[in-house]
C-alpha cells in the first residue's frame, strides 16, 4: 500500500487537489491569485469548505482575471456576496479587489506576481522531507517575511499561517510527507 498524506481524508475534492495541485510549482499569475484568494477565504474555516465553493469563486471573479477584479465596485462585491456560491464574508470578498490592485502594482514593478514571489526562494522550491504530517509547521520565518512584505504592499488576509498555506498551494514549498507518491522526489523518480 502506497503511503500518502492523510489530510485529504478520503474526500475526492481534497484528494484531487492534493494529487494535482498542492505543492506543485506554479508561475501563472492568474492561478497564483486564485490560490491567494482561496487561502485567504479559508481563514477560520476548513479547506474542504473552500474547495467546495471554488467553482463559485471562479464564476464570480471571471476566473480570477486580475484587472477585472481590481475594478470591482462595492455594489459588484455585494452582488457577488448575495448571488454566488462563495463564502459570505464581506471583508474577505473585498480583499479580492484589494489584492488584485496590489498584484497590478507588483506586476508593474517586477514584471509578474510570480517573479515577485519566486525571488524569495531564488526560483527553486523548498523541498522538505517530513516523515509525518505532525512535523509540518503552520508557519515559518520565510512565511512571516513574505506576510510582512505583502501587508506592506496593502494585501489583506495574508497572515503568516495563511501565507505558509499559500506557499504550499503554489509550490514555493513541498510539504508532502517523504513517502507520499506526490512528493517532488517521488514524482521525479516516477517519470
N, C-alpha and C. Protein backbone atom coordinates (compact mmCIF):
# COMPACT_ATOMS: atom_id res chain seq x y z
N UNK A 1 0.85 -1.19 0.00
CA UNK A 1 0.00 0.00 0.00
C UNK A 1 0.89 1.25 0.00
N UNK A 2 0.59 2.16 -0.93
CA UNK A 2 1.36 3.39 -1.01
C UNK A 2 1.04 4.29 0.16
N UNK A 3 2.07 4.89 0.71
CA UNK A 3 1.86 5.85 1.78
C UNK A 3 1.60 7.21 1.12
N UNK A 4 0.69 7.95 1.70
CA UNK A 4 0.37 9.26 1.16
C UNK A 4 0.00 10.19 2.31
N UNK A 5 -0.06 11.46 2.02
CA UNK A 5 -0.51 12.42 3.02
C UNK A 5 -1.95 12.06 3.40
N UNK A 6 -2.27 12.17 4.67
CA UNK A 6 -3.59 11.74 5.12
C UNK A 6 -4.62 12.87 5.14
N UNK A 7 -4.20 14.12 5.01
CA UNK A 7 -5.13 15.23 5.20
C UNK A 7 -6.31 15.26 4.23
N UNK A 8 -6.21 14.70 3.01
CA UNK A 8 -7.42 14.69 2.17
C UNK A 8 -8.55 13.83 2.76
N UNK A 9 -8.18 12.90 3.65
CA UNK A 9 -9.16 12.14 4.42
C UNK A 9 -10.24 11.48 3.57
N UNK A 10 -9.88 11.00 2.39
CA UNK A 10 -10.82 10.28 1.54
C UNK A 10 -11.80 11.15 0.78
N UNK A 11 -11.74 12.48 0.96
CA UNK A 11 -12.65 13.37 0.23
C UNK A 11 -12.14 13.53 -1.20
N UNK A 12 -12.96 13.21 -2.22
CA UNK A 12 -12.49 13.27 -3.62
C UNK A 12 -11.98 14.65 -4.05
N UNK A 13 -12.64 15.71 -3.62
CA UNK A 13 -12.22 17.06 -3.98
C UNK A 13 -10.86 17.38 -3.36
N UNK A 14 -10.71 17.02 -2.09
CA UNK A 14 -9.45 17.25 -1.38
C UNK A 14 -8.34 16.38 -1.98
N UNK A 15 -8.67 15.14 -2.32
CA UNK A 15 -7.67 14.22 -2.88
C UNK A 15 -7.17 14.72 -4.23
N UNK A 16 -8.10 15.20 -5.06
CA UNK A 16 -7.71 15.72 -6.37
C UNK A 16 -6.80 16.94 -6.20
N UNK A 17 -7.14 17.81 -5.27
CA UNK A 17 -6.30 18.98 -5.02
C UNK A 17 -4.92 18.54 -4.54
N UNK A 18 -4.87 17.60 -3.60
CA UNK A 18 -3.60 17.07 -3.10
C UNK A 18 -2.76 16.48 -4.23
N UNK A 19 -3.39 15.67 -5.05
CA UNK A 19 -2.66 14.93 -6.08
C UNK A 19 -2.22 15.80 -7.25
N UNK A 20 -3.03 16.78 -7.61
CA UNK A 20 -2.80 17.52 -8.85
C UNK A 20 -2.25 18.94 -8.67
N UNK A 21 -2.46 19.53 -7.49
CA UNK A 21 -2.10 20.94 -7.35
C UNK A 21 -1.18 21.25 -6.18
N UNK A 22 -1.45 20.66 -5.02
CA UNK A 22 -0.75 21.05 -3.80
C UNK A 22 0.75 20.82 -3.91
N UNK A 23 1.51 21.86 -3.66
CA UNK A 23 2.98 21.82 -3.68
C UNK A 23 3.58 21.65 -5.08
N UNK A 24 2.76 21.87 -6.11
CA UNK A 24 3.26 21.83 -7.49
C UNK A 24 3.61 23.28 -7.88
N UNK A 25 4.84 23.54 -8.28
CA UNK A 25 5.23 24.91 -8.61
C UNK A 25 4.36 25.53 -9.70
N UNK A 26 3.91 26.75 -9.44
CA UNK A 26 3.12 27.50 -10.41
C UNK A 26 3.75 28.86 -10.65
N UNK A 27 3.67 29.29 -11.89
CA UNK A 27 4.24 30.58 -12.29
C UNK A 27 3.22 31.45 -13.00
N UNK A 28 1.96 31.03 -12.94
CA UNK A 28 0.87 31.71 -13.62
C UNK A 28 0.19 32.69 -12.66
N UNK A 29 0.27 33.98 -12.96
CA UNK A 29 -0.26 34.99 -12.04
C UNK A 29 -1.75 34.80 -11.74
N UNK A 30 -2.51 34.44 -12.73
CA UNK A 30 -3.95 34.28 -12.50
C UNK A 30 -4.21 33.12 -11.53
N UNK A 31 -3.55 32.00 -11.74
CA UNK A 31 -3.70 30.85 -10.85
C UNK A 31 -3.18 31.19 -9.44
N UNK A 32 -2.06 31.88 -9.37
CA UNK A 32 -1.49 32.27 -8.07
C UNK A 32 -2.47 33.19 -7.33
N UNK A 33 -3.09 34.11 -8.06
CA UNK A 33 -4.09 35.00 -7.47
C UNK A 33 -5.29 34.18 -6.97
N UNK A 34 -5.70 33.20 -7.73
CA UNK A 34 -6.80 32.33 -7.29
C UNK A 34 -6.46 31.65 -5.97
N UNK A 35 -5.27 31.08 -5.88
CA UNK A 35 -4.89 30.37 -4.65
C UNK A 35 -4.71 31.34 -3.48
N UNK A 36 -4.21 32.54 -3.74
CA UNK A 36 -4.11 33.54 -2.68
C UNK A 36 -5.51 33.88 -2.15
N UNK A 37 -6.47 34.03 -3.07
CA UNK A 37 -7.84 34.33 -2.68
C UNK A 37 -8.45 33.20 -1.87
N UNK A 38 -8.29 31.98 -2.35
CA UNK A 38 -8.88 30.84 -1.66
C UNK A 38 -8.25 30.62 -0.29
N UNK A 39 -6.93 30.78 -0.20
CA UNK A 39 -6.27 30.62 1.10
C UNK A 39 -6.74 31.69 2.07
N UNK A 40 -6.91 32.92 1.60
CA UNK A 40 -7.43 33.98 2.45
C UNK A 40 -8.86 33.71 2.88
N UNK A 41 -9.65 33.14 1.98
CA UNK A 41 -11.04 32.81 2.30
C UNK A 41 -11.12 31.71 3.37
N UNK A 42 -10.09 30.90 3.45
CA UNK A 42 -10.10 29.77 4.38
C UNK A 42 -9.99 30.23 5.84
N UNK A 43 -9.44 31.39 6.09
CA UNK A 43 -9.20 31.84 7.47
C UNK A 43 -10.41 31.55 8.35
N UNK A 44 -10.21 30.69 9.35
CA UNK A 44 -11.26 30.31 10.28
C UNK A 44 -12.17 29.20 9.79
N UNK A 45 -11.92 28.70 8.59
CA UNK A 45 -12.76 27.65 8.00
C UNK A 45 -11.89 26.46 7.58
N UNK A 46 -12.53 25.43 7.09
CA UNK A 46 -11.77 24.27 6.60
C UNK A 46 -11.50 24.42 5.10
N UNK A 47 -10.42 23.81 4.66
CA UNK A 47 -10.05 23.84 3.24
C UNK A 47 -11.11 23.13 2.41
N UNK A 48 -11.74 22.13 2.97
CA UNK A 48 -12.80 21.40 2.27
C UNK A 48 -13.96 22.34 1.92
N UNK A 49 -14.34 23.20 2.84
CA UNK A 49 -15.42 24.17 2.58
C UNK A 49 -15.01 25.09 1.44
N UNK A 50 -13.78 25.57 1.48
CA UNK A 50 -13.31 26.49 0.44
C UNK A 50 -13.31 25.80 -0.92
N UNK A 51 -12.77 24.59 -0.99
CA UNK A 51 -12.74 23.88 -2.27
C UNK A 51 -14.14 23.62 -2.81
N UNK A 52 -15.09 23.39 -1.92
CA UNK A 52 -16.46 23.13 -2.36
C UNK A 52 -17.09 24.38 -3.00
N UNK A 53 -16.52 25.55 -2.73
CA UNK A 53 -17.03 26.80 -3.28
C UNK A 53 -16.13 27.36 -4.40
N UNK A 54 -15.11 26.61 -4.77
CA UNK A 54 -14.14 27.11 -5.74
C UNK A 54 -14.77 27.50 -7.07
N UNK A 55 -15.66 26.67 -7.57
CA UNK A 55 -16.31 26.98 -8.85
C UNK A 55 -17.12 28.28 -8.75
N UNK A 56 -17.74 28.51 -7.62
CA UNK A 56 -18.47 29.76 -7.40
C UNK A 56 -17.55 30.97 -7.44
N UNK A 57 -16.38 30.82 -6.83
CA UNK A 57 -15.39 31.90 -6.87
C UNK A 57 -14.91 32.14 -8.30
N UNK A 58 -14.65 31.06 -9.03
CA UNK A 58 -14.19 31.21 -10.41
C UNK A 58 -15.22 31.94 -11.26
N UNK A 59 -16.48 31.59 -11.07
CA UNK A 59 -17.55 32.25 -11.82
C UNK A 59 -17.68 33.72 -11.40
N UNK A 60 -17.71 33.97 -10.11
CA UNK A 60 -17.91 35.33 -9.60
C UNK A 60 -16.79 36.28 -9.99
N UNK A 61 -15.57 35.78 -10.03
CA UNK A 61 -14.41 36.64 -10.27
C UNK A 61 -13.79 36.43 -11.66
N UNK A 62 -14.62 36.01 -12.62
CA UNK A 62 -14.17 35.87 -14.02
C UNK A 62 -12.88 35.07 -14.11
N UNK A 63 -12.88 33.91 -13.43
CA UNK A 63 -11.70 33.03 -13.39
C UNK A 63 -10.45 33.77 -12.94
N UNK A 64 -10.68 34.68 -11.99
CA UNK A 64 -9.59 35.41 -11.34
C UNK A 64 -8.80 36.29 -12.31
N UNK A 65 -9.56 36.92 -13.20
CA UNK A 65 -8.98 37.95 -14.07
C UNK A 65 -8.58 39.11 -13.15
N UNK A 66 -7.29 39.35 -13.05
CA UNK A 66 -6.77 40.31 -12.08
C UNK A 66 -7.25 41.73 -12.37
N UNK A 67 -7.19 42.16 -13.63
CA UNK A 67 -7.64 43.52 -13.97
C UNK A 67 -9.13 43.67 -13.70
N UNK A 68 -9.91 42.66 -14.01
CA UNK A 68 -11.36 42.70 -13.75
C UNK A 68 -11.62 42.85 -12.24
N UNK A 69 -10.94 42.03 -11.45
CA UNK A 69 -11.15 42.05 -10.00
C UNK A 69 -10.73 43.39 -9.39
N UNK A 70 -9.70 44.00 -9.94
CA UNK A 70 -9.23 45.29 -9.42
C UNK A 70 -10.26 46.40 -9.62
N UNK A 71 -11.14 46.23 -10.60
CA UNK A 71 -12.13 47.26 -10.92
C UNK A 71 -13.49 47.02 -10.28
N UNK A 72 -13.64 45.96 -9.51
CA UNK A 72 -14.93 45.67 -8.90
C UNK A 72 -15.37 46.82 -7.99
N UNK A 73 -16.65 47.14 -8.04
CA UNK A 73 -17.19 48.18 -7.18
C UNK A 73 -17.74 47.55 -5.90
N UNK A 74 -18.06 48.38 -4.93
CA UNK A 74 -18.70 47.87 -3.72
C UNK A 74 -20.01 47.17 -4.07
N UNK A 75 -20.75 47.73 -5.02
CA UNK A 75 -22.01 47.11 -5.44
C UNK A 75 -21.75 45.74 -6.08
N UNK A 76 -20.71 45.65 -6.89
CA UNK A 76 -20.36 44.36 -7.50
C UNK A 76 -20.07 43.32 -6.42
N UNK A 77 -19.31 43.72 -5.43
CA UNK A 77 -18.95 42.79 -4.35
C UNK A 77 -20.17 42.37 -3.54
N UNK A 78 -21.09 43.29 -3.34
CA UNK A 78 -22.33 42.96 -2.64
C UNK A 78 -23.15 41.96 -3.45
N UNK A 79 -23.20 42.15 -4.76
CA UNK A 79 -23.90 41.22 -5.64
C UNK A 79 -23.26 39.84 -5.59
N UNK A 80 -21.94 39.80 -5.61
CA UNK A 80 -21.22 38.53 -5.52
C UNK A 80 -21.57 37.84 -4.21
N UNK A 81 -21.56 38.59 -3.14
CA UNK A 81 -21.88 38.03 -1.82
C UNK A 81 -23.28 37.42 -1.82
N UNK A 82 -24.23 38.11 -2.44
CA UNK A 82 -25.63 37.68 -2.40
C UNK A 82 -25.97 36.60 -3.41
N UNK A 83 -25.31 36.61 -4.57
CA UNK A 83 -25.78 35.77 -5.67
C UNK A 83 -24.86 34.62 -6.07
N UNK A 84 -23.67 34.55 -5.51
CA UNK A 84 -22.74 33.49 -5.92
C UNK A 84 -22.44 32.56 -4.76
N UNK A 85 -22.01 31.36 -5.12
CA UNK A 85 -21.69 30.32 -4.14
C UNK A 85 -20.26 30.55 -3.63
N UNK A 86 -20.14 31.58 -2.77
CA UNK A 86 -18.85 31.96 -2.19
C UNK A 86 -19.03 32.09 -0.68
N UNK A 87 -17.95 32.24 0.03
CA UNK A 87 -18.02 32.49 1.46
C UNK A 87 -18.52 33.93 1.64
N UNK A 88 -19.55 34.09 2.43
CA UNK A 88 -20.30 35.35 2.51
C UNK A 88 -19.68 36.37 3.48
N UNK A 89 -18.41 36.40 3.59
CA UNK A 89 -17.68 37.29 4.49
C UNK A 89 -17.23 38.50 3.66
N UNK A 90 -17.88 39.65 3.88
CA UNK A 90 -17.64 40.80 3.01
C UNK A 90 -16.18 41.26 3.01
N UNK A 91 -15.52 41.27 4.15
CA UNK A 91 -14.11 41.70 4.19
C UNK A 91 -13.24 40.77 3.34
N UNK A 92 -13.54 39.48 3.36
CA UNK A 92 -12.79 38.53 2.52
C UNK A 92 -13.05 38.80 1.05
N UNK A 93 -14.29 39.11 0.70
CA UNK A 93 -14.62 39.42 -0.69
C UNK A 93 -13.96 40.74 -1.11
N UNK A 94 -13.96 41.72 -0.23
CA UNK A 94 -13.29 42.99 -0.53
C UNK A 94 -11.79 42.80 -0.72
N UNK A 95 -11.22 41.82 -0.04
CA UNK A 95 -9.78 41.57 -0.17
C UNK A 95 -9.42 41.10 -1.58
N UNK A 96 -10.38 40.52 -2.29
CA UNK A 96 -10.10 40.10 -3.67
C UNK A 96 -9.76 41.33 -4.51
N UNK A 97 -10.56 42.37 -4.36
CA UNK A 97 -10.30 43.62 -5.10
C UNK A 97 -8.99 44.27 -4.63
N UNK A 98 -8.82 44.37 -3.32
CA UNK A 98 -7.62 44.99 -2.75
C UNK A 98 -6.37 44.25 -3.21
N UNK A 99 -6.41 42.93 -3.14
CA UNK A 99 -5.24 42.13 -3.51
C UNK A 99 -4.99 42.18 -5.02
N UNK A 100 -6.04 42.24 -5.82
CA UNK A 100 -5.86 42.37 -7.28
C UNK A 100 -5.15 43.68 -7.59
N UNK A 101 -5.54 44.75 -6.92
CA UNK A 101 -4.88 46.04 -7.15
C UNK A 101 -3.41 45.99 -6.73
N UNK A 102 -3.15 45.32 -5.61
CA UNK A 102 -1.76 45.18 -5.16
C UNK A 102 -0.93 44.36 -6.15
N UNK A 103 -1.55 43.32 -6.72
CA UNK A 103 -0.85 42.50 -7.71
C UNK A 103 -0.53 43.32 -8.96
N UNK A 104 -1.46 44.16 -9.41
CA UNK A 104 -1.20 45.00 -10.58
C UNK A 104 0.02 45.90 -10.32
N UNK A 105 0.13 46.44 -9.11
CA UNK A 105 1.29 47.26 -8.77
C UNK A 105 2.58 46.44 -8.79
N UNK A 106 2.51 45.22 -8.28
CA UNK A 106 3.68 44.34 -8.28
C UNK A 106 4.07 43.96 -9.71
N UNK A 107 3.07 43.68 -10.55
CA UNK A 107 3.36 43.34 -11.95
C UNK A 107 4.09 44.49 -12.64
N UNK A 108 3.68 45.70 -12.32
CA UNK A 108 4.33 46.86 -12.92
C UNK A 108 5.79 46.97 -12.45
N UNK A 109 6.02 46.66 -11.20
CA UNK A 109 7.36 46.79 -10.63
C UNK A 109 8.28 45.60 -10.94
N UNK A 110 7.72 44.38 -10.89
CA UNK A 110 8.55 43.16 -11.02
C UNK A 110 8.32 42.38 -12.31
N UNK A 111 7.35 42.77 -13.10
CA UNK A 111 7.05 42.04 -14.33
C UNK A 111 5.91 41.06 -14.14
N UNK A 112 5.90 40.37 -12.99
CA UNK A 112 4.82 39.44 -12.68
C UNK A 112 4.77 39.22 -11.17
N UNK A 113 3.59 38.80 -10.70
CA UNK A 113 3.45 38.43 -9.29
C UNK A 113 4.28 37.19 -9.02
N UNK A 114 4.32 36.30 -9.99
CA UNK A 114 5.13 35.09 -9.89
C UNK A 114 6.60 35.43 -9.64
N UNK A 115 7.15 36.33 -10.44
CA UNK A 115 8.56 36.72 -10.27
C UNK A 115 8.80 37.29 -8.88
N UNK A 116 7.87 38.12 -8.40
CA UNK A 116 7.98 38.70 -7.06
C UNK A 116 8.06 37.61 -6.00
N UNK A 117 7.18 36.62 -6.09
CA UNK A 117 7.13 35.56 -5.08
C UNK A 117 8.30 34.59 -5.17
N UNK A 118 8.64 34.18 -6.38
CA UNK A 118 9.69 33.16 -6.55
C UNK A 118 11.08 33.68 -6.19
N UNK A 119 11.26 34.98 -6.13
CA UNK A 119 12.57 35.51 -5.73
C UNK A 119 12.87 35.20 -4.26
N UNK A 120 11.83 34.95 -3.46
CA UNK A 120 12.03 34.61 -2.05
C UNK A 120 12.76 33.27 -1.88
N UNK A 121 12.65 32.41 -2.88
CA UNK A 121 13.31 31.09 -2.81
C UNK A 121 14.33 30.93 -3.94
N UNK A 122 14.78 32.06 -4.48
CA UNK A 122 15.75 32.06 -5.57
C UNK A 122 15.30 31.18 -6.74
N UNK A 123 13.98 31.14 -6.97
CA UNK A 123 13.45 30.40 -8.11
C UNK A 123 13.38 28.90 -7.93
N UNK A 124 13.77 28.40 -6.76
CA UNK A 124 13.81 26.95 -6.53
C UNK A 124 12.95 26.59 -5.33
N UNK A 125 11.99 25.68 -5.50
CA UNK A 125 11.12 25.32 -4.38
C UNK A 125 11.91 24.75 -3.19
N UNK A 126 11.40 25.00 -2.00
CA UNK A 126 11.94 24.39 -0.80
C UNK A 126 11.31 23.01 -0.70
N UNK A 127 12.13 21.98 -0.76
CA UNK A 127 11.63 20.60 -0.70
C UNK A 127 11.91 20.06 0.69
N UNK A 128 10.86 19.86 1.46
CA UNK A 128 11.02 19.29 2.80
C UNK A 128 10.89 17.78 2.74
N UNK A 129 11.37 17.11 3.76
CA UNK A 129 11.37 15.64 3.81
C UNK A 129 10.80 15.17 5.14
N UNK A 130 9.54 15.57 5.39
CA UNK A 130 8.89 15.20 6.65
C UNK A 130 8.54 13.73 6.65
N UNK A 131 8.70 13.11 7.79
CA UNK A 131 8.30 11.70 7.94
C UNK A 131 6.81 11.57 8.21
N UNK A 132 6.24 12.57 8.90
CA UNK A 132 4.79 12.54 9.15
C UNK A 132 4.27 13.97 9.17
N UNK A 133 2.96 14.09 9.03
CA UNK A 133 2.35 15.40 8.90
C UNK A 133 2.47 16.25 10.17
N UNK A 134 2.66 15.62 11.29
CA UNK A 134 2.83 16.36 12.54
C UNK A 134 4.07 17.23 12.57
N UNK A 135 5.02 16.94 11.70
CA UNK A 135 6.25 17.73 11.64
C UNK A 135 6.09 19.01 10.84
N UNK A 136 5.06 19.10 10.00
CA UNK A 136 4.88 20.25 9.10
C UNK A 136 4.50 21.47 9.92
N UNK A 137 5.26 22.56 9.79
CA UNK A 137 4.95 23.76 10.57
C UNK A 137 3.72 24.49 10.03
N UNK A 138 3.09 25.28 10.89
CA UNK A 138 1.97 26.11 10.47
C UNK A 138 2.47 27.41 9.83
N UNK A 139 3.68 27.80 10.22
CA UNK A 139 4.30 29.00 9.66
C UNK A 139 5.81 28.86 9.81
N UNK A 140 6.53 29.66 9.05
CA UNK A 140 7.99 29.64 9.11
C UNK A 140 8.51 31.08 9.11
N UNK A 141 9.79 31.22 9.32
CA UNK A 141 10.39 32.56 9.25
C UNK A 141 10.15 33.17 7.87
N UNK A 142 10.22 32.35 6.82
CA UNK A 142 10.00 32.87 5.47
C UNK A 142 8.54 33.28 5.27
N UNK A 143 7.59 32.50 5.78
CA UNK A 143 6.19 32.89 5.62
C UNK A 143 5.91 34.19 6.39
N UNK A 144 6.58 34.38 7.52
CA UNK A 144 6.43 35.63 8.26
C UNK A 144 6.99 36.80 7.45
N UNK A 145 8.13 36.58 6.81
CA UNK A 145 8.74 37.63 6.00
C UNK A 145 7.86 37.99 4.81
N UNK A 146 7.38 36.97 4.09
CA UNK A 146 6.52 37.23 2.93
C UNK A 146 5.23 37.91 3.38
N UNK A 147 4.65 37.44 4.48
CA UNK A 147 3.43 38.04 5.02
C UNK A 147 3.65 39.52 5.31
N UNK A 148 4.72 39.83 5.98
CA UNK A 148 5.04 41.22 6.31
C UNK A 148 5.18 42.06 5.04
N UNK A 149 5.90 41.52 4.06
CA UNK A 149 6.12 42.25 2.81
C UNK A 149 4.80 42.45 2.04
N UNK A 150 3.95 41.43 2.03
CA UNK A 150 2.65 41.56 1.35
C UNK A 150 1.78 42.60 2.05
N UNK A 151 1.77 42.58 3.37
CA UNK A 151 0.97 43.55 4.12
C UNK A 151 1.45 44.98 3.84
N UNK A 152 2.77 45.16 3.72
CA UNK A 152 3.31 46.49 3.41
C UNK A 152 2.84 46.97 2.04
N UNK A 153 2.51 46.01 1.19
CA UNK A 153 2.02 46.33 -0.16
C UNK A 153 0.49 46.32 -0.22
N UNK A 154 -0.14 46.38 0.95
CA UNK A 154 -1.60 46.51 1.10
C UNK A 154 -2.41 45.24 0.86
N UNK A 155 -1.77 44.09 0.84
CA UNK A 155 -2.53 42.84 0.73
C UNK A 155 -3.29 42.59 2.03
N UNK A 156 -4.42 41.92 1.91
CA UNK A 156 -5.26 41.57 3.06
C UNK A 156 -5.39 40.05 3.16
N UNK A 157 -5.65 39.57 4.37
CA UNK A 157 -5.79 38.14 4.66
C UNK A 157 -4.54 37.37 4.24
N UNK A 158 -3.41 37.89 4.66
CA UNK A 158 -2.11 37.27 4.34
C UNK A 158 -1.25 37.17 5.59
N UNK A 159 -1.85 36.70 6.70
CA UNK A 159 -1.06 36.46 7.90
C UNK A 159 -0.04 35.37 7.64
N UNK A 160 0.91 35.15 8.54
CA UNK A 160 1.98 34.18 8.30
C UNK A 160 1.50 32.73 8.15
N UNK A 161 0.41 32.35 8.81
CA UNK A 161 -0.11 30.99 8.66
C UNK A 161 -0.78 30.85 7.29
N UNK A 162 -1.61 31.82 6.93
CA UNK A 162 -2.24 31.82 5.60
C UNK A 162 -1.17 31.86 4.52
N UNK A 163 -0.15 32.67 4.73
CA UNK A 163 0.92 32.78 3.74
C UNK A 163 1.66 31.46 3.58
N UNK A 164 1.87 30.74 4.69
CA UNK A 164 2.55 29.45 4.55
C UNK A 164 1.69 28.47 3.75
N UNK A 165 0.40 28.45 4.02
CA UNK A 165 -0.50 27.59 3.23
C UNK A 165 -0.47 27.99 1.76
N UNK A 166 -0.42 29.28 1.51
CA UNK A 166 -0.32 29.80 0.14
C UNK A 166 0.99 29.35 -0.51
N UNK A 167 2.08 29.39 0.24
CA UNK A 167 3.37 28.93 -0.29
C UNK A 167 3.29 27.46 -0.69
N UNK A 168 2.61 26.65 0.11
CA UNK A 168 2.41 25.23 -0.23
C UNK A 168 1.54 25.13 -1.49
N UNK A 169 0.47 25.93 -1.52
CA UNK A 169 -0.50 25.85 -2.61
C UNK A 169 0.14 26.11 -3.97
N UNK A 170 1.09 27.04 -4.03
CA UNK A 170 1.68 27.39 -5.32
C UNK A 170 3.06 26.76 -5.53
N UNK A 171 3.45 25.88 -4.61
CA UNK A 171 4.67 25.11 -4.81
C UNK A 171 5.96 25.79 -4.43
N UNK A 172 5.90 26.92 -3.72
CA UNK A 172 7.15 27.51 -3.22
C UNK A 172 7.81 26.55 -2.24
N UNK A 173 6.97 25.73 -1.61
CA UNK A 173 7.45 24.72 -0.67
C UNK A 173 6.71 23.41 -0.95
N UNK A 174 7.40 22.30 -0.83
CA UNK A 174 6.79 20.97 -0.95
C UNK A 174 6.76 20.35 0.43
N UNK A 175 5.56 20.20 0.97
CA UNK A 175 5.38 19.62 2.30
C UNK A 175 4.65 18.28 2.26
N UNK A 176 4.64 17.62 1.11
CA UNK A 176 4.16 16.24 1.11
C UNK A 176 5.10 15.44 2.02
N UNK A 177 4.54 14.49 2.75
CA UNK A 177 5.44 13.65 3.55
C UNK A 177 6.38 12.91 2.61
N UNK A 178 7.53 12.54 3.12
CA UNK A 178 8.60 11.98 2.29
C UNK A 178 8.16 10.76 1.49
N UNK A 179 7.31 9.92 2.08
CA UNK A 179 6.89 8.68 1.41
C UNK A 179 5.70 8.86 0.47
N UNK A 180 5.12 10.06 0.46
CA UNK A 180 3.95 10.30 -0.39
C UNK A 180 4.36 10.21 -1.87
N UNK A 181 3.52 9.56 -2.65
CA UNK A 181 3.79 9.41 -4.08
C UNK A 181 3.88 10.76 -4.79
N UNK A 182 3.34 11.80 -4.17
CA UNK A 182 3.32 13.11 -4.81
C UNK A 182 4.41 14.05 -4.32
N UNK A 183 5.28 13.57 -3.43
CA UNK A 183 6.45 14.35 -3.02
C UNK A 183 7.32 14.54 -4.26
N UNK A 184 7.95 15.69 -4.36
CA UNK A 184 8.76 16.02 -5.53
C UNK A 184 9.74 14.90 -5.89
N UNK A 185 10.45 14.38 -4.91
CA UNK A 185 11.44 13.32 -5.17
C UNK A 185 10.79 12.08 -5.77
N UNK A 186 9.59 11.75 -5.31
CA UNK A 186 8.90 10.55 -5.82
C UNK A 186 8.29 10.80 -7.19
N UNK A 187 7.83 12.02 -7.46
CA UNK A 187 7.30 12.34 -8.79
C UNK A 187 8.40 12.29 -9.81
N UNK A 188 9.58 12.79 -9.44
CA UNK A 188 10.72 12.81 -10.36
C UNK A 188 11.13 11.37 -10.71
N UNK A 189 11.19 10.52 -9.70
CA UNK A 189 11.56 9.10 -9.93
C UNK A 189 10.54 8.37 -10.77
N UNK A 190 9.27 8.75 -10.65
CA UNK A 190 8.18 8.05 -11.34
C UNK A 190 8.15 8.37 -12.83
N UNK A 191 8.78 9.49 -13.22
CA UNK A 191 8.74 9.91 -14.64
C UNK A 191 9.55 9.00 -15.53
